Amino acid sequence: MVKVTSHLSIKENEIEERFIRSSGPGGQNVNKVATAVQLRFDVKHSTSLPQPIKERLLRHAKNHLSGEGILIIEARRFRTQAENRRDARRRLAFLILQAMEVKKKRRPTKPKPAVNINRLESKRHHGQKKRLRQKIRGIDE
């Protein structure tokens, strides 16, 4: 069972783990032992997650989804199978936690009139500075 929060957890039978050979450091051991973990979680058919969280998870984790809506997480950061397995489960829980957060809708606001007045005044001041730096025409011509 993968515990996401105190009131939400994912059943063990909904998670499929495959152990694959990992690239990277490890010497000859890399060619012999399957230490990397490929965790698969069928989001669409999960009974552990409420529908709104499923929908947000499908939108949020696009890069981890297969065409059938199966969430695939590959963990190969560590040298041992147990650590990679723990890492994959932690990453799954983190993705679900992110999907649980409901973002507030942005309310469009208008700038205050004083802001616009200050901006225009600043532009006028800057233009005046530039005009004062110009050569005066007609005196020495």
Protein backbone atom coordinates (compact mmCIF):
# COMPACT_ATOMS: atom_id res chain seq x y z
CA MET A 1 0.00 0.00 0.00
CA VAL A 2 1.35 3.43 -0.98
CA LYS A 3 0.32 6.05 1.54
CA VAL A 4 -0.23 9.46 -0.09
CA THR A 5 -1.92 11.29 2.79
CA SER A 6 -3.44 10.21 6.08
CA HIS A 7 -6.80 9.57 4.37
CA LEU A 8 -5.67 8.53 0.86
CA SER A 9 -3.61 5.51 -0.10
CA ILE A 10 -3.21 3.34 -3.18
CA LYS A 11 -3.82 -0.38 -2.99
CA GLU A 12 -0.93 -2.71 -3.73
CA ASN A 13 -2.87 -4.57 -6.46
CA GLU A 14 -3.23 -1.34 -8.49
CA ILE A 15 0.54 -0.93 -8.78
CA GLU A 16 2.66 -3.04 -11.08
CA GLU A 17 6.43 -3.02 -10.70
CA ARG A 18 8.92 -4.36 -13.22
CA PHE A 19 12.62 -4.59 -12.54
CA ILE A 20 14.86 -3.69 -15.46
CA ARG A 21 18.58 -3.31 -15.98
CA SER A 22 19.85 0.11 -15.10
CA SER A 23 22.49 2.11 -16.94
CA GLY A 24 25.09 4.20 -15.19
CA PRO A 25 27.60 3.42 -12.42
CA GLY A 26 27.94 -0.03 -10.92
CA GLY A 27 30.69 -1.73 -12.91
CA GLN A 28 30.00 -5.25 -14.16
CA ASN A 29 27.09 -5.52 -11.74
CA VAL A 30 25.08 -3.31 -14.13
CA ASN A 31 25.02 -6.09 -16.72
CA LYS A 32 23.88 -8.77 -14.28
CA VAL A 33 21.35 -7.30 -11.85
CA ALA A 34 18.04 -5.59 -12.66
CA THR A 35 18.09 -2.76 -10.12
CA ALA A 36 16.01 -0.12 -11.94
CA VAL A 37 12.28 -0.10 -11.28
CA GLN A 38 9.51 0.64 -13.74
CA LEU A 39 6.35 1.40 -11.76
CA ARG A 40 3.03 1.27 -13.64
CA PHE A 41 -0.22 2.67 -12.27
CA ASP A 42 -3.48 2.60 -14.23
CA VAL A 43 -4.94 5.99 -13.40
CA LYS A 44 -8.17 5.63 -15.40
CA HIS A 45 -9.22 2.35 -13.76
CA SER A 46 -7.99 3.09 -10.23
CA THR A 47 -10.52 2.60 -7.43
CA SER A 48 -8.31 4.32 -4.84
CA LEU A 49 -8.50 7.81 -6.34
CA PRO A 50 -11.59 10.03 -6.58
CA GLN A 51 -12.57 11.12 -10.10
CA PRO A 52 -11.49 14.81 -9.81
CA ILE A 53 -8.00 13.77 -8.67
CA LYS A 54 -7.76 11.25 -11.51
CA GLU A 55 -8.60 13.95 -14.06
CA ARG A 56 -6.07 16.41 -12.63
CA LEU A 57 -3.42 13.67 -12.46
CA LEU A 58 -4.00 12.79 -16.12
CA ARG A 59 -3.58 16.47 -17.06
CA HIS A 60 -0.64 17.10 -14.74
CA ALA A 61 1.49 14.01 -15.50
CA LYS A 62 1.30 14.02 -19.30
CA ASN A 63 4.99 13.20 -19.71
CA HIS A 64 4.65 10.03 -17.62
CA LEU A 65 1.52 8.65 -19.30
CA SER A 66 1.21 5.95 -21.92
CA GLY A 67 -1.49 6.07 -24.60
CA GLU A 68 -3.84 3.95 -22.46
CA GLY A 69 -3.64 6.30 -19.47
CA ILE A 70 -1.13 4.23 -17.52
CA LEU A 71 1.27 6.27 -15.42
CA ILE A 72 4.85 5.00 -15.86
CA ILE A 73 7.63 6.02 -13.48
CA GLU A 74 11.16 4.76 -13.97
CA ALA A 75 13.50 4.92 -10.99
CA ARG A 76 17.17 4.21 -11.56
CA ARG A 77 18.80 6.79 -9.30
CA PHE A 78 20.16 4.29 -6.75
CA ARG A 79 22.23 1.12 -6.96
CA THR A 80 19.84 -1.14 -5.09
CA GLN A 81 16.46 -2.43 -6.13
CA ALA A 82 14.90 -1.59 -2.75
CA GLU A 83 15.98 2.05 -2.86
CA ASN A 84 14.78 2.47 -6.45
CA ARG A 85 11.47 0.88 -5.54
CA ARG A 86 11.06 3.29 -2.61
CA ASP A 87 12.01 6.21 -4.87
CA ALA A 88 9.42 5.24 -7.52
CA ARG A 89 6.67 4.97 -4.91
CA ARG A 90 7.66 8.33 -3.40
CA ARG A 91 7.51 9.95 -6.84
CA LEU A 92 4.07 8.44 -7.47
CA ALA A 93 2.81 9.80 -4.14
CA PHE A 94 4.29 13.23 -4.97
CA LEU A 95 2.52 13.33 -8.37
CA ILE A 96 -0.78 12.44 -6.71
CA LEU A 97 -0.25 15.10 -4.03
CA GLN A 98 0.32 17.69 -6.75
CA ALA A 99 -2.88 16.56 -8.47
CA MET A 100 -4.79 16.95 -5.20
CA GLU A 101 -4.01 20.68 -5.03
CA VAL A 102 -6.82 22.72 -6.52
CA LYS A 103 -5.42 25.91 -7.96
CA LYS A 104 -7.36 29.09 -7.37
CA LYS A 105 -8.81 30.75 -10.44
CA ARG A 106 -7.12 34.01 -11.27
CA ARG A 107 -9.35 37.03 -11.04
CA PRO A 108 -8.26 39.59 -13.61
CA THR A 109 -7.60 42.99 -12.10
CA LYS A 110 -7.24 46.47 -13.58
CA PRO A 111 -4.38 48.77 -12.69
CA LYS A 112 -5.31 51.76 -10.58
CA PRO A 113 -5.56 55.15 -12.39
CA ALA A 114 -2.71 56.56 -10.29
CA VAL A 115 -0.35 53.91 -11.71
CA ASN A 116 -1.10 55.02 -15.26
CA ILE A 117 -0.69 58.72 -14.34
CA ASN A 118 2.69 58.01 -12.70
CA ARG A 119 3.85 56.06 -15.74
CA LEU A 120 2.92 58.87 -18.13
CA GLU A 121 4.55 61.47 -15.85
CA SER A 122 7.73 59.41 -15.77
CA LYS A 123 7.72 59.22 -19.58
CA ARG A 124 7.28 63.00 -19.84
CA HIS A 125 10.13 63.58 -17.41
CA HIS A 126 12.41 61.21 -19.34
CA GLY A 127 11.52 62.90 -22.66
CA GLN A 128 12.28 66.32 -21.19
CA LYS A 129 15.70 65.08 -20.06
CA LYS A 130 16.43 63.91 -23.61
CA ARG A 131 15.29 67.25 -25.12
CA LEU A 132 17.60 69.20 -22.79
CA ARG A 133 20.58 67.16 -23.99
CA GLN A 134 19.99 68.08 -27.64
CA LYS A 135 21.96 70.82 -29.39
CA ILE A 136 20.12 74.13 -29.78
CA ARG A 137 19.57 74.89 -33.46
CA GLY A 138 19.59 78.32 -35.01
CA ILE A 139 22.06 80.08 -32.70
CA ASP A 140 25.41 79.35 -34.36
CA GLU A 141 24.22 78.35 -37.82
